[in-house]
N, C-alpha and C. Protein backbone atom coordinates (compact mmCIF):
# COMPACT_ATOMS: atom_id res chain seq x y z
N UNK A 1 0.88 -1.16 -0.05
CA UNK A 1 0.01 0.06 -0.03
C UNK A 1 0.91 1.15 -0.17
N UNK A 2 1.51 1.47 -1.00
CA UNK A 2 2.59 2.63 -1.24
C UNK A 2 2.56 3.07 -2.71
N UNK A 3 2.89 4.20 -2.83
CA UNK A 3 3.12 5.00 -4.04
C UNK A 3 4.57 5.57 -3.89
N UNK A 4 5.54 5.23 -4.76
CA UNK A 4 6.56 5.59 -5.17
C UNK A 4 7.22 5.52 -6.68
N UNK A 5 7.81 6.67 -7.00
CA UNK A 5 8.29 6.88 -8.13
C UNK A 5 9.90 7.15 -7.88
N UNK A 6 10.60 6.21 -8.88
CA UNK A 6 12.11 6.22 -8.63
C UNK A 6 12.64 6.99 -10.08
N UNK A 7 13.48 7.83 -9.94
CA UNK A 7 13.91 8.80 -11.10
C UNK A 7 15.31 8.26 -11.46
N UNK A 8 15.53 8.18 -12.67
CA UNK A 8 16.69 7.51 -13.36
C UNK A 8 18.02 8.26 -12.59
N UNK A 9 18.90 7.37 -12.07
CA UNK A 9 20.24 7.87 -11.68
C UNK A 9 20.09 8.23 -10.23
N UNK A 10 18.95 8.18 -9.53
CA UNK A 10 18.83 8.45 -8.18
C UNK A 10 19.08 7.23 -7.22
N UNK A 11 19.57 7.55 -6.13
CA UNK A 11 19.98 6.79 -5.17
C UNK A 11 18.97 6.77 -4.10
N UNK A 12 18.22 5.68 -3.88
CA UNK A 12 16.92 5.72 -2.73
C UNK A 12 17.38 4.84 -1.75
N UNK A 13 17.27 5.03 -0.46
CA UNK A 13 17.58 4.12 0.73
C UNK A 13 16.11 3.73 1.41
N UNK A 14 15.71 2.69 1.46
CA UNK A 14 14.70 2.21 2.19
C UNK A 14 15.04 1.81 3.90
N UNK A 15 14.48 2.57 4.57
CA UNK A 15 14.79 2.36 6.08
C UNK A 15 13.35 1.92 6.78
N UNK A 16 13.72 1.12 7.87
CA UNK A 16 12.48 0.58 8.49
C UNK A 16 13.01 -0.80 9.21
N UNK A 17 12.16 -1.17 10.29
CA UNK A 17 12.48 -2.22 11.02
C UNK A 17 12.09 -3.25 10.36
N UNK A 18 12.31 -4.79 10.94
CA UNK A 18 12.04 -5.96 10.41
C UNK A 18 10.74 -6.18 10.15
N UNK A 19 10.21 -6.55 9.06
CA UNK A 19 8.83 -6.54 8.77
C UNK A 19 8.16 -5.28 8.11
N UNK A 20 9.00 -4.30 8.03
CA UNK A 20 8.60 -3.02 7.46
C UNK A 20 8.08 -3.12 6.06
N UNK A 21 8.70 -3.98 5.21
CA UNK A 21 8.28 -4.26 3.76
C UNK A 21 9.50 -3.92 2.79
N UNK A 22 10.67 -3.83 3.31
CA UNK A 22 11.81 -3.45 2.56
C UNK A 22 12.18 -4.43 1.39
N UNK A 23 12.37 -5.70 1.96
CA UNK A 23 12.67 -6.89 1.29
C UNK A 23 11.49 -7.15 0.13
N UNK A 24 10.38 -7.06 0.60
CA UNK A 24 9.21 -7.13 -0.21
C UNK A 24 8.96 -6.35 -1.42
N UNK A 25 9.34 -5.14 -1.20
CA UNK A 25 9.55 -4.01 -2.06
C UNK A 25 10.62 -4.44 -3.13
N UNK A 26 11.84 -4.71 -2.70
CA UNK A 26 12.85 -5.19 -3.62
C UNK A 26 12.41 -6.30 -4.59
N UNK A 27 11.79 -7.41 -3.85
CA UNK A 27 11.20 -8.69 -4.60
C UNK A 27 10.33 -8.08 -5.70
N UNK A 28 9.52 -6.97 -5.51
CA UNK A 28 8.55 -6.59 -6.46
C UNK A 28 9.18 -5.90 -7.65
N UNK A 29 10.31 -4.98 -7.28
CA UNK A 29 11.36 -4.58 -8.50
C UNK A 29 11.85 -5.56 -9.26
N UNK A 30 12.55 -6.56 -8.62
CA UNK A 30 13.06 -7.61 -9.20
C UNK A 30 12.04 -8.48 -10.17
N UNK A 31 10.74 -8.30 -9.80
CA UNK A 31 9.80 -9.12 -10.34
C UNK A 31 10.10 -10.64 -9.93
N UNK A 32 10.46 -10.86 -8.74
CA UNK A 32 10.46 -12.18 -7.93
C UNK A 32 9.12 -12.33 -7.46
N UNK A 33 8.23 -11.21 -7.23
CA UNK A 33 6.75 -11.37 -6.82
C UNK A 33 6.12 -10.29 -7.80
N UNK A 34 4.67 -10.50 -7.81
CA UNK A 34 3.96 -9.69 -8.42
C UNK A 34 2.89 -9.23 -7.44
N UNK A 35 2.56 -7.79 -7.41
CA UNK A 35 1.82 -7.17 -6.71
C UNK A 35 0.04 -7.70 -6.61
N UNK A 36 -0.47 -8.01 -5.49
CA UNK A 36 -1.85 -8.21 -5.77
C UNK A 36 -2.94 -7.23 -6.08
N UNK A 37 -2.40 -5.88 -5.94
CA UNK A 37 -2.96 -4.90 -6.37
C UNK A 37 -2.26 -3.65 -6.94
N UNK A 38 -2.65 -2.94 -7.74
CA UNK A 38 -1.70 -2.04 -8.41
C UNK A 38 -0.84 -2.42 -9.37
N UNK A 39 0.21 -1.66 -9.42
CA UNK A 39 1.25 -2.30 -10.60
C UNK A 39 2.69 -1.73 -10.19
N UNK A 40 3.55 -2.36 -10.71
CA UNK A 40 5.04 -1.93 -10.88
C UNK A 40 5.33 -1.59 -12.38
N UNK A 41 5.64 -0.43 -12.63
CA UNK A 41 5.84 -0.09 -13.91
C UNK A 41 6.98 0.61 -14.02
N UNK A 42 7.87 0.25 -15.50
CA UNK A 42 9.02 0.99 -15.76
C UNK A 42 8.90 1.78 -17.02
N UNK A 43 8.95 3.01 -17.11
CA UNK A 43 8.64 3.85 -18.23
C UNK A 43 7.22 3.65 -18.78
N UNK A 44 6.15 3.54 -17.75
CA UNK A 44 4.81 3.41 -17.93
C UNK A 44 4.43 1.96 -18.28
N UNK A 45 5.29 1.07 -18.49
CA UNK A 45 4.81 -0.36 -18.98
C UNK A 45 4.86 -1.11 -17.56
N UNK A 46 3.88 -1.95 -17.41
CA UNK A 46 3.64 -2.79 -16.27
C UNK A 46 4.67 -4.00 -16.50
N UNK A 47 5.42 -4.27 -15.33
CA UNK A 47 6.36 -5.45 -15.57
C UNK A 47 5.74 -6.72 -15.87
N UNK A 48 4.49 -6.88 -15.46
CA UNK A 48 3.71 -8.29 -15.79
C UNK A 48 3.62 -8.30 -17.31
N UNK A 49 3.55 -7.14 -18.09
CA UNK A 49 3.44 -7.39 -19.57
C UNK A 49 4.58 -7.50 -20.29
N UNK A 50 5.71 -7.39 -19.53
CA UNK A 50 7.01 -7.56 -20.20
C UNK A 50 7.78 -8.98 -19.98
N UNK A 51 8.95 -9.17 -20.47
CA UNK A 51 9.60 -10.44 -20.31
C UNK A 51 10.52 -10.32 -18.94
N UNK A 52 10.16 -11.09 -18.07
CA UNK A 52 10.79 -11.00 -16.78
C UNK A 52 12.44 -11.23 -16.72
N UNK A 53 12.84 -12.01 -17.69
CA UNK A 53 14.10 -12.42 -17.67
C UNK A 53 14.98 -11.23 -18.42
N UNK A 54 14.23 -10.81 -19.30
CA UNK A 54 14.85 -9.42 -20.04
C UNK A 54 14.99 -8.43 -19.18
N UNK A 55 13.95 -7.99 -18.22
CA UNK A 55 14.08 -7.09 -17.20
C UNK A 55 15.16 -7.33 -16.20
N UNK A 56 15.23 -8.41 -15.64
CA UNK A 56 16.26 -8.91 -14.70
C UNK A 56 17.68 -8.75 -15.22
N UNK A 57 17.92 -8.85 -16.63
CA UNK A 57 19.21 -8.67 -17.22
C UNK A 57 19.77 -7.21 -17.14
N UNK A 58 18.53 -6.19 -16.76
CA UNK A 58 18.95 -4.92 -16.53
C UNK A 58 19.23 -4.37 -15.14
N UNK A 59 19.18 -5.58 -14.40
CA UNK A 59 19.01 -5.26 -12.87
C UNK A 59 20.35 -6.24 -12.27
N UNK A 60 21.27 -5.50 -11.35
CA UNK A 60 22.09 -6.08 -10.59
C UNK A 60 21.61 -6.22 -9.21
N UNK A 61 21.87 -7.35 -8.58
CA UNK A 61 21.06 -7.63 -7.27
C UNK A 61 22.28 -8.00 -6.38
N UNK A 62 22.21 -7.39 -5.06
CA UNK A 62 23.30 -7.79 -4.10
C UNK A 62 22.57 -8.04 -2.77
N UNK A 63 22.46 -9.29 -2.24
CA UNK A 63 21.80 -9.53 -1.24
C UNK A 63 22.54 -9.36 0.16
N UNK A 64 21.93 -9.44 1.40
CA UNK A 64 22.83 -9.45 2.48
C UNK A 64 23.38 -10.64 2.79
N UNK A 65 23.16 -11.80 2.18
CA UNK A 65 24.00 -13.03 2.26
C UNK A 65 24.33 -13.45 0.81
N UNK A 66 25.15 -12.78 0.00
CA UNK A 66 25.45 -13.22 -1.32
C UNK A 66 25.69 -14.77 -1.55
N UNK A 67 25.26 -15.42 -2.54
CA UNK A 67 25.54 -16.77 -2.92
C UNK A 67 26.76 -17.09 -3.65
N UNK A 68 27.67 -17.69 -3.03
CA UNK A 68 28.98 -17.91 -3.97
C UNK A 68 28.61 -19.57 -4.28
N UNK A 69 29.19 -19.82 -5.62
CA UNK A 69 29.03 -21.28 -5.96
C UNK A 69 30.43 -21.88 -5.97
N UNK A 70 30.59 -23.01 -5.94
CA UNK A 70 31.80 -23.91 -5.93
C UNK A 70 32.46 -23.54 -7.17
N UNK A 71 33.64 -23.31 -7.44
CA UNK A 71 34.47 -22.89 -8.61
C UNK A 71 35.41 -21.96 -7.87
N UNK A 72 36.04 -21.05 -8.91
CA UNK A 72 37.14 -20.32 -8.74
C UNK A 72 36.49 -18.79 -8.34
N UNK A 73 37.34 -17.95 -7.74
CA UNK A 73 37.07 -16.61 -7.54
C UNK A 73 36.42 -15.92 -8.73
N UNK A 74 37.23 -16.20 -9.87
CA UNK A 74 36.87 -15.60 -11.23
C UNK A 74 35.60 -16.18 -11.57
N UNK A 75 35.16 -17.43 -11.37
CA UNK A 75 33.88 -18.05 -11.90
C UNK A 75 32.80 -17.26 -11.17
N UNK A 76 32.91 -16.94 -9.91
CA UNK A 76 32.12 -16.35 -9.14
C UNK A 76 31.76 -14.78 -9.61
N UNK A 77 32.95 -14.01 -9.91
CA UNK A 77 32.71 -12.65 -10.48
C UNK A 77 31.96 -12.59 -11.85
N UNK A 78 32.36 -13.82 -12.48
CA UNK A 78 31.97 -13.81 -13.92
C UNK A 78 30.33 -14.06 -14.05
N UNK A 79 29.83 -14.40 -12.64
CA UNK A 79 28.40 -14.72 -12.86
C UNK A 79 27.58 -13.39 -13.16
N UNK A 80 28.47 -12.22 -13.22
CA UNK A 80 27.79 -11.02 -13.77
C UNK A 80 27.90 -10.89 -15.16
N UNK A 81 28.86 -11.28 -15.75
CA UNK A 81 29.24 -11.43 -17.22
C UNK A 81 30.19 -12.64 -17.63
N UNK A 82 29.51 -13.66 -18.03
CA UNK A 82 30.26 -15.00 -18.42
C UNK A 82 31.42 -14.55 -19.36
N UNK A 83 31.27 -13.87 -20.26
CA UNK A 83 32.09 -13.47 -21.30
C UNK A 83 33.25 -12.42 -20.92
N UNK A 84 33.37 -12.05 -19.70
CA UNK A 84 34.27 -11.00 -19.34
C UNK A 84 35.92 -11.37 -19.36
N UNK A 85 36.59 -10.54 -19.70
CA UNK A 85 38.03 -10.85 -19.77
C UNK A 85 38.59 -10.83 -18.40
N UNK A 86 39.73 -11.30 -18.08
CA UNK A 86 40.48 -11.28 -16.70
C UNK A 86 40.72 -9.74 -16.57
N UNK A 87 41.07 -8.99 -17.30
CA UNK A 87 41.28 -7.56 -17.11
C UNK A 87 40.06 -6.93 -16.57
N UNK A 88 38.87 -7.31 -17.18
CA UNK A 88 37.47 -6.65 -16.65
C UNK A 88 37.18 -7.23 -15.23
N UNK A 89 37.48 -8.53 -15.20
CA UNK A 89 37.36 -9.01 -13.75
C UNK A 89 38.15 -8.48 -12.56
N UNK A 90 39.44 -8.09 -13.07
CA UNK A 90 40.20 -7.24 -12.14
C UNK A 90 39.84 -5.93 -11.95
N UNK A 91 39.21 -5.23 -12.90
CA UNK A 91 38.72 -3.93 -12.80
C UNK A 91 37.48 -3.72 -12.05
N UNK A 92 36.53 -4.73 -11.84
CA UNK A 92 35.53 -5.11 -11.13
C UNK A 92 35.89 -5.02 -9.81
N UNK A 93 36.82 -6.08 -9.37
CA UNK A 93 37.38 -6.45 -8.25
C UNK A 93 38.03 -5.03 -7.53
N UNK A 94 38.75 -4.20 -8.29
CA UNK A 94 39.18 -2.91 -7.84
C UNK A 94 38.27 -2.15 -7.43
N UNK A 95 37.07 -2.01 -8.30
CA UNK A 95 35.88 -1.07 -7.88
C UNK A 95 35.37 -1.51 -6.58
N UNK A 96 35.24 -2.83 -6.39
CA UNK A 96 34.70 -3.38 -5.30
C UNK A 96 35.66 -3.52 -4.01
N UNK A 97 36.66 -2.84 -4.15
CA UNK A 97 37.76 -2.72 -2.96
C UNK A 97 38.02 -4.22 -2.50
N UNK A 98 38.06 -5.38 -3.66
CA UNK A 98 38.43 -6.42 -3.52
C UNK A 98 39.79 -7.12 -4.15
N UNK A 99 40.30 -6.05 -4.91
CA UNK A 99 41.63 -6.45 -5.64
C UNK A 99 42.57 -6.87 -4.85
N UNK A 100 42.98 -6.14 -3.74
CA UNK A 100 43.97 -6.70 -2.81
C UNK A 100 43.73 -8.10 -2.19
N UNK A 101 42.43 -8.21 -1.70
CA UNK A 101 41.99 -9.43 -1.16
C UNK A 101 42.33 -10.65 -2.17
N UNK A 102 41.99 -10.42 -3.42
CA UNK A 102 42.15 -11.49 -4.12
C UNK A 102 43.53 -11.86 -4.56
N UNK A 103 44.29 -10.76 -4.72
CA UNK A 103 45.77 -10.84 -5.11
C UNK A 103 46.48 -11.57 -3.95
N UNK A 104 46.00 -11.56 -2.75
CA UNK A 104 46.46 -12.15 -1.64
C UNK A 104 46.18 -13.55 -1.48
N UNK A 105 45.31 -14.07 -2.38
CA UNK A 105 44.71 -15.51 -2.24
C UNK A 105 45.78 -16.32 -2.73
N UNK A 106 45.95 -17.63 -2.66
CA UNK A 106 47.09 -18.63 -3.11
C UNK A 106 47.09 -18.56 -4.48
N UNK A 107 45.99 -18.57 -5.21
CA UNK A 107 45.97 -18.82 -6.60
C UNK A 107 45.17 -17.42 -7.40
N UNK A 108 45.18 -16.33 -6.73
CA UNK A 108 44.52 -15.23 -7.20
C UNK A 108 43.05 -15.35 -7.80
N UNK A 109 42.94 -15.23 -9.07
CA UNK A 109 41.65 -15.40 -9.55
C UNK A 109 41.26 -16.92 -9.61
N UNK A 110 42.13 -17.64 -9.78
CA UNK A 110 41.99 -19.21 -9.91
C UNK A 110 41.96 -19.89 -8.45
N UNK A 111 41.80 -19.14 -7.75
CA UNK A 111 41.67 -19.90 -6.14
C UNK A 111 40.32 -20.23 -6.12
N UNK A 112 40.23 -21.49 -5.47
CA UNK A 112 39.15 -22.44 -5.46
C UNK A 112 38.13 -21.92 -4.22
N UNK A 113 37.02 -21.53 -4.67
CA UNK A 113 35.80 -21.21 -3.52
C UNK A 113 34.80 -22.18 -3.46
N UNK A 114 34.68 -22.84 -2.32
CA UNK A 114 33.79 -23.74 -2.03
C UNK A 114 32.33 -23.26 -2.14
N UNK A 115 31.39 -24.11 -2.32
CA UNK A 115 29.91 -23.81 -2.24
C UNK A 115 29.67 -22.78 -0.81
N UNK A 116 29.00 -21.71 -1.10
CA UNK A 116 28.75 -20.85 -0.14
C UNK A 116 29.81 -20.09 0.41
N UNK A 117 31.09 -20.14 -0.36
CA UNK A 117 32.18 -19.33 0.09
C UNK A 117 32.90 -19.38 1.58
N UNK A 118 32.68 -20.56 2.20
CA UNK A 118 32.75 -20.68 3.61
C UNK A 118 34.45 -20.20 3.94
N UNK A 119 35.34 -20.20 3.11
CA UNK A 119 36.72 -19.90 3.25
C UNK A 119 36.64 -18.54 3.29
N UNK A 120 35.85 -17.66 2.95
CA UNK A 120 36.05 -16.13 3.01
C UNK A 120 34.94 -15.56 4.16
N UNK A 121 35.44 -14.54 4.57
CA UNK A 121 34.60 -13.83 5.65
C UNK A 121 33.48 -13.24 5.05
N UNK A 122 32.40 -12.67 5.84
CA UNK A 122 31.11 -12.25 5.39
C UNK A 122 31.41 -10.89 4.42
N UNK A 123 32.23 -10.24 4.98
CA UNK A 123 32.75 -8.82 4.35
C UNK A 123 33.43 -9.11 2.90
N UNK A 124 34.28 -10.20 2.88
CA UNK A 124 34.97 -10.66 1.62
C UNK A 124 34.05 -11.27 0.51
N UNK A 125 32.96 -11.88 1.23
CA UNK A 125 31.92 -12.51 0.17
C UNK A 125 31.14 -11.30 -0.59
N UNK A 126 30.64 -10.55 0.39
CA UNK A 126 30.22 -9.35 0.05
C UNK A 126 30.86 -8.46 -1.05
N UNK A 127 31.92 -8.41 -0.88
CA UNK A 127 32.86 -7.56 -1.83
C UNK A 127 32.95 -8.27 -3.23
N UNK A 128 33.14 -9.76 -3.17
CA UNK A 128 33.25 -10.41 -4.50
C UNK A 128 31.56 -10.18 -4.91
N UNK A 129 30.64 -10.28 -4.35
CA UNK A 129 29.31 -9.99 -5.02
C UNK A 129 29.20 -8.53 -5.41
N UNK A 130 29.71 -7.54 -4.95
CA UNK A 130 29.64 -6.40 -5.59
C UNK A 130 30.50 -6.18 -6.77
N UNK A 131 31.71 -7.04 -6.77
CA UNK A 131 32.63 -7.01 -8.02
C UNK A 131 31.52 -7.72 -9.09
N UNK A 132 30.85 -8.60 -8.78
CA UNK A 132 29.99 -9.11 -9.73
C UNK A 132 28.96 -8.36 -10.07
N UNK A 133 28.31 -7.45 -9.42
CA UNK A 133 27.58 -6.28 -9.73
C UNK A 133 28.05 -5.29 -10.65
N UNK A 134 29.41 -4.96 -10.47
CA UNK A 134 30.20 -4.07 -11.33
C UNK A 134 30.42 -4.61 -12.61
N UNK A 135 30.70 -6.06 -12.69
CA UNK A 135 30.87 -6.50 -13.84
C UNK A 135 29.63 -6.44 -14.66
N UNK A 136 28.44 -6.71 -14.04
CA UNK A 136 27.22 -6.61 -14.70
C UNK A 136 26.77 -5.51 -15.59
N UNK A 137 27.24 -4.43 -14.87
CA UNK A 137 27.23 -3.05 -15.64
C UNK A 137 25.75 -2.80 -15.90
N UNK A 138 24.78 -3.02 -14.95
CA UNK A 138 23.37 -2.90 -15.26
C UNK A 138 22.93 -1.37 -14.76
N UNK A 139 21.91 -0.96 -15.54
CA UNK A 139 21.48 0.60 -15.16
C UNK A 139 20.67 0.49 -13.75
N UNK A 140 20.18 -0.51 -13.28
CA UNK A 140 19.55 -0.69 -12.03
C UNK A 140 20.19 -1.53 -11.14
N UNK A 141 20.31 -0.72 -9.85
CA UNK A 141 21.14 -1.89 -8.83
C UNK A 141 20.12 -1.85 -7.62
N UNK A 142 19.93 -3.17 -6.99
CA UNK A 142 19.04 -3.38 -5.89
C UNK A 142 19.86 -4.17 -4.83
N UNK A 143 20.01 -3.40 -3.67
CA UNK A 143 20.73 -4.02 -2.52
C UNK A 143 19.83 -4.19 -1.36
N UNK A 144 20.03 -5.17 -0.69
CA UNK A 144 19.26 -5.85 0.30
C UNK A 144 20.10 -5.78 1.45
N UNK A 145 20.33 -4.83 2.33
CA UNK A 145 20.85 -4.57 3.62
C UNK A 145 22.30 -5.27 3.40
N UNK A 146 23.08 -4.57 2.56
CA UNK A 146 24.38 -5.23 2.23
C UNK A 146 25.45 -5.19 2.98
N UNK A 147 25.31 -4.32 4.18
CA UNK A 147 26.38 -4.31 5.28
C UNK A 147 25.81 -4.67 6.70
N UNK A 148 24.50 -5.31 6.76
CA UNK A 148 24.01 -5.83 7.90
C UNK A 148 24.77 -6.63 8.89
N UNK A 149 25.54 -7.73 8.26
CA UNK A 149 26.08 -8.49 9.01
C UNK A 149 27.73 -8.32 8.99
N UNK A 150 28.14 -7.27 8.78
CA UNK A 150 29.67 -6.85 8.54
C UNK A 150 30.05 -6.28 9.88
N UNK A 151 31.49 -6.21 10.16
CA UNK A 151 31.90 -5.31 11.16
C UNK A 151 32.19 -4.14 10.90
N UNK A 152 32.65 -3.02 11.41
CA UNK A 152 32.46 -1.58 11.06
C UNK A 152 33.39 -1.52 9.97
N UNK A 153 34.67 -2.02 10.19
CA UNK A 153 35.66 -2.01 8.89
C UNK A 153 35.04 -2.60 7.72
N UNK A 154 34.46 -3.78 7.69
CA UNK A 154 33.92 -4.29 6.41
C UNK A 154 32.85 -3.47 5.93
N UNK A 155 32.05 -3.00 6.89
CA UNK A 155 31.03 -2.10 6.43
C UNK A 155 31.36 -0.75 5.72
N UNK A 156 32.56 -0.27 6.16
CA UNK A 156 33.05 0.85 5.58
C UNK A 156 33.56 0.60 4.24
N UNK A 157 34.29 -0.44 4.08
CA UNK A 157 34.86 -0.89 2.74
C UNK A 157 33.61 -0.99 1.73
N UNK A 158 32.61 -1.69 2.14
CA UNK A 158 31.31 -2.02 1.19
C UNK A 158 30.70 -0.87 0.97
N UNK A 159 30.63 -0.07 1.95
CA UNK A 159 29.87 1.38 1.72
C UNK A 159 30.60 2.04 0.63
N UNK A 160 31.88 2.19 0.61
CA UNK A 160 32.83 3.10 -0.41
C UNK A 160 32.57 2.38 -1.65
N UNK A 161 32.59 1.11 -1.85
CA UNK A 161 32.24 0.31 -3.11
C UNK A 161 30.83 0.46 -3.61
N UNK A 162 29.97 0.47 -2.60
CA UNK A 162 28.33 0.94 -3.10
C UNK A 162 28.38 2.39 -3.73
N UNK A 163 29.12 3.24 -3.16
CA UNK A 163 29.07 4.65 -3.59
C UNK A 163 29.78 4.87 -5.13
N UNK A 164 30.80 3.96 -5.45
CA UNK A 164 31.22 3.84 -6.73
C UNK A 164 30.18 3.23 -7.60
N UNK A 165 29.59 2.15 -7.09
CA UNK A 165 28.72 1.39 -8.04
C UNK A 165 27.52 2.08 -8.20
N UNK A 166 27.15 3.04 -7.46
CA UNK A 166 25.98 4.07 -7.62
C UNK A 166 26.25 5.10 -8.78
N UNK A 167 27.46 5.21 -8.96
CA UNK A 167 27.55 6.51 -10.03
C UNK A 167 26.81 6.04 -11.29
N UNK A 168 26.09 6.97 -11.88
CA UNK A 168 25.33 6.96 -13.13
C UNK A 168 24.12 5.79 -13.22
N UNK A 169 23.91 5.19 -12.06
CA UNK A 169 22.80 4.12 -11.91
C UNK A 169 21.53 4.30 -11.10
N UNK A 170 20.79 3.84 -11.33
CA UNK A 170 19.58 4.07 -10.30
C UNK A 170 19.61 2.83 -9.23
N UNK A 171 19.58 3.38 -8.02
CA UNK A 171 19.89 2.42 -6.96
C UNK A 171 18.80 2.50 -6.07
N UNK A 172 18.45 1.25 -5.58
CA UNK A 172 17.35 1.14 -4.40
C UNK A 172 18.08 0.31 -3.34
N UNK A 173 18.34 0.68 -2.26
CA UNK A 173 18.89 -0.16 -1.01
C UNK A 173 18.13 -0.09 0.17
N UNK A 174 17.79 -1.40 0.42
CA UNK A 174 17.36 -1.56 2.02
C UNK A 174 18.57 -1.32 2.85
N UNK A 175 18.48 -0.69 3.79
CA UNK A 175 19.56 -0.41 4.66
C UNK A 175 19.15 -0.58 6.13
N UNK A 176 20.22 -1.30 6.89
CA UNK A 176 20.23 -1.49 8.32
C UNK A 176 21.13 -0.44 9.12
N UNK A 177 22.48 -0.25 8.45
CA UNK A 177 23.10 0.85 8.97
C UNK A 177 22.92 2.08 8.30
N UNK A 178 22.37 3.02 9.18
CA UNK A 178 21.78 4.43 8.63
C UNK A 178 22.89 5.11 8.12
N UNK A 179 24.24 4.99 8.29
CA UNK A 179 25.17 5.59 7.55
C UNK A 179 25.08 5.53 6.00
N UNK A 180 24.59 4.46 5.52
CA UNK A 180 24.43 4.18 4.15
C UNK A 180 23.29 5.30 3.63
N UNK A 181 22.13 5.09 4.53
CA UNK A 181 21.01 6.17 4.22
C UNK A 181 21.57 7.52 3.91
N UNK A 182 22.41 7.74 4.72
CA UNK A 182 22.95 9.27 4.74
C UNK A 182 23.64 9.73 3.55
N UNK A 183 24.19 8.52 2.69
CA UNK A 183 24.85 8.71 1.38
C UNK A 183 23.87 8.80 0.13
N UNK A 184 22.82 8.71 0.57
CA UNK A 184 21.59 8.34 -0.60
C UNK A 184 21.10 9.79 -0.87
N UNK A 185 20.37 9.54 -2.07
CA UNK A 185 19.69 10.92 -2.50
C UNK A 185 18.51 11.22 -1.74
N UNK A 186 17.79 10.03 -1.61
CA UNK A 186 16.48 10.29 -1.01
C UNK A 186 16.36 8.99 0.02
N UNK A 187 15.60 9.32 1.31
CA UNK A 187 15.29 8.22 2.11
C UNK A 187 14.05 8.02 2.22
N UNK A 188 13.46 6.70 2.25
CA UNK A 188 11.98 6.40 2.09
C UNK A 188 11.69 5.58 3.61
N UNK A 189 11.04 6.15 4.48
CA UNK A 189 10.86 5.26 5.93
C UNK A 189 9.55 4.48 5.60
N UNK A 190 9.66 3.16 5.92
CA UNK A 190 8.49 2.37 5.79
C UNK A 190 8.16 1.70 7.19
N UNK A 191 6.86 1.44 7.32
CA UNK A 191 6.25 0.94 8.56
C UNK A 191 5.15 0.09 8.12
N UNK A 192 5.07 -1.20 8.37
CA UNK A 192 4.06 -1.96 7.94
C UNK A 192 3.63 -1.85 6.57
N UNK A 193 4.74 -1.81 5.64
CA UNK A 193 4.44 -1.66 4.32
C UNK A 193 3.89 -0.49 3.66
N UNK A 194 4.10 0.53 4.50
CA UNK A 194 3.47 1.80 4.01
C UNK A 194 4.48 2.85 4.29
N UNK A 195 4.62 4.06 3.45
CA UNK A 195 5.71 4.91 3.51
C UNK A 195 5.18 6.06 4.62
N UNK A 196 5.76 6.21 5.65
CA UNK A 196 5.51 7.19 6.62
C UNK A 196 6.40 8.55 6.58
N UNK A 197 7.49 8.50 5.68
CA UNK A 197 8.17 9.57 5.59
C UNK A 197 9.17 9.35 4.46
N UNK A 198 9.54 10.58 3.71
CA UNK A 198 10.44 10.59 2.53
C UNK A 198 10.82 11.97 2.44
N UNK A 199 12.12 11.99 1.98
CA UNK A 199 12.91 13.15 1.88
C UNK A 199 14.31 12.98 1.73
N UNK A 200 15.29 14.11 1.76
CA UNK A 200 16.44 14.08 1.51
C UNK A 200 17.18 13.60 2.80
N UNK A 201 18.13 13.09 2.89
CA UNK A 201 18.74 12.81 4.22
C UNK A 201 18.98 14.05 5.16
N UNK A 202 19.26 15.24 4.54
CA UNK A 202 19.56 16.43 5.34
C UNK A 202 18.22 16.95 5.91
N UNK A 203 17.17 16.79 4.98
CA UNK A 203 15.76 17.35 5.47
C UNK A 203 15.33 16.44 6.72
N UNK A 204 15.36 15.00 6.43
CA UNK A 204 14.83 14.27 7.54
C UNK A 204 15.74 14.11 8.76
N UNK A 205 16.96 14.42 8.68
CA UNK A 205 17.79 14.63 9.92
C UNK A 205 17.73 15.78 10.50
N UNK A 206 17.10 16.98 9.89
CA UNK A 206 17.04 18.10 10.58
C UNK A 206 15.64 18.13 11.20
N UNK A 207 14.73 17.10 10.82
CA UNK A 207 13.32 17.20 11.20
C UNK A 207 13.38 16.26 12.57
N UNK A 208 12.02 16.18 12.98
CA UNK A 208 11.73 15.34 14.36
C UNK A 208 10.78 14.23 13.92
N UNK A 209 11.14 13.59 12.78
CA UNK A 209 10.22 12.47 12.51
C UNK A 209 10.86 11.06 12.68
N UNK A 210 10.29 9.95 11.95
CA UNK A 210 10.74 8.68 12.18
C UNK A 210 12.20 8.41 12.12
N UNK A 211 12.74 9.18 10.69
CA UNK A 211 14.20 8.94 10.54
C UNK A 211 15.00 9.48 11.52
N UNK A 212 14.73 10.73 11.94
CA UNK A 212 15.61 11.28 12.93
C UNK A 212 15.62 10.51 14.34
N UNK A 213 14.18 10.02 14.56
CA UNK A 213 14.08 9.04 15.78
C UNK A 213 15.14 7.79 15.82
N UNK A 214 15.24 7.22 14.31
CA UNK A 214 15.90 6.17 14.42
C UNK A 214 17.25 6.35 14.35
N UNK A 215 17.83 7.57 13.78
CA UNK A 215 19.27 7.99 14.14
C UNK A 215 19.65 8.17 15.45
N UNK A 216 18.64 8.70 16.33
CA UNK A 216 18.99 8.89 17.65
C UNK A 216 19.01 7.70 18.34
N UNK A 217 18.20 6.76 18.06
CA UNK A 217 18.14 5.45 18.51
C UNK A 217 19.65 4.67 18.24
N UNK A 218 19.76 4.81 17.01
CA UNK A 218 21.19 4.17 16.75
C UNK A 218 22.41 4.64 17.48
N UNK A 219 22.34 6.08 17.59
CA UNK A 219 23.40 6.64 18.39
C UNK A 219 23.38 6.37 19.84
N UNK A 220 22.20 6.03 20.46
CA UNK A 220 22.23 5.77 21.87
C UNK A 220 22.63 4.14 22.03
N UNK A 221 22.36 3.29 20.97
CA UNK A 221 22.70 2.18 21.13
C UNK A 221 24.35 1.90 20.93
N UNK A 222 24.94 2.83 20.09
CA UNK A 222 26.46 2.80 19.99
C UNK A 222 27.17 3.27 21.26
């Protein structure tokens, strides 16, 4: 039960507690689910009237717990573009602040990664997933709480990579850490599937609404 228009090239942060509807909204945008009422449209065309696979090729998706498959590091990054050269893979890793990480592995790009990437930390897996998104070079990027499970150092590295990934793209990110929301162009606060507040980070921070209250609560917990 919400009305939201995304502008090309805009970075939008979705903020709200567990169950607020952030992940559901991302699923609708990916067309992993269809709305039971209303519609999700792109350029005036209802997503249900188009080719779902074609739409998803225009979207890069990074989840809170990205899936890595059994294979090499290069195999996992090339899930974004199977035809990519090694030089493009390295460029994607560099943009994702993962180049030094991979160069330090025993076999570099050819290092074996087990199913699920158990050999890597959560932050390292997230940066590999971001490299995959850079390689995909899609105009739309959806991020589902990409720093929620990371320590402060890992979250900072991923946050810097997300800032680079956002350049020239339309980005919608569900965020747990409000520092990411402060780097967005617009913040949308959700409660029980409805928008209760929206605006620029500066305006919402200066106000006395839901976003300001969440910032204050996060500061108190810190």
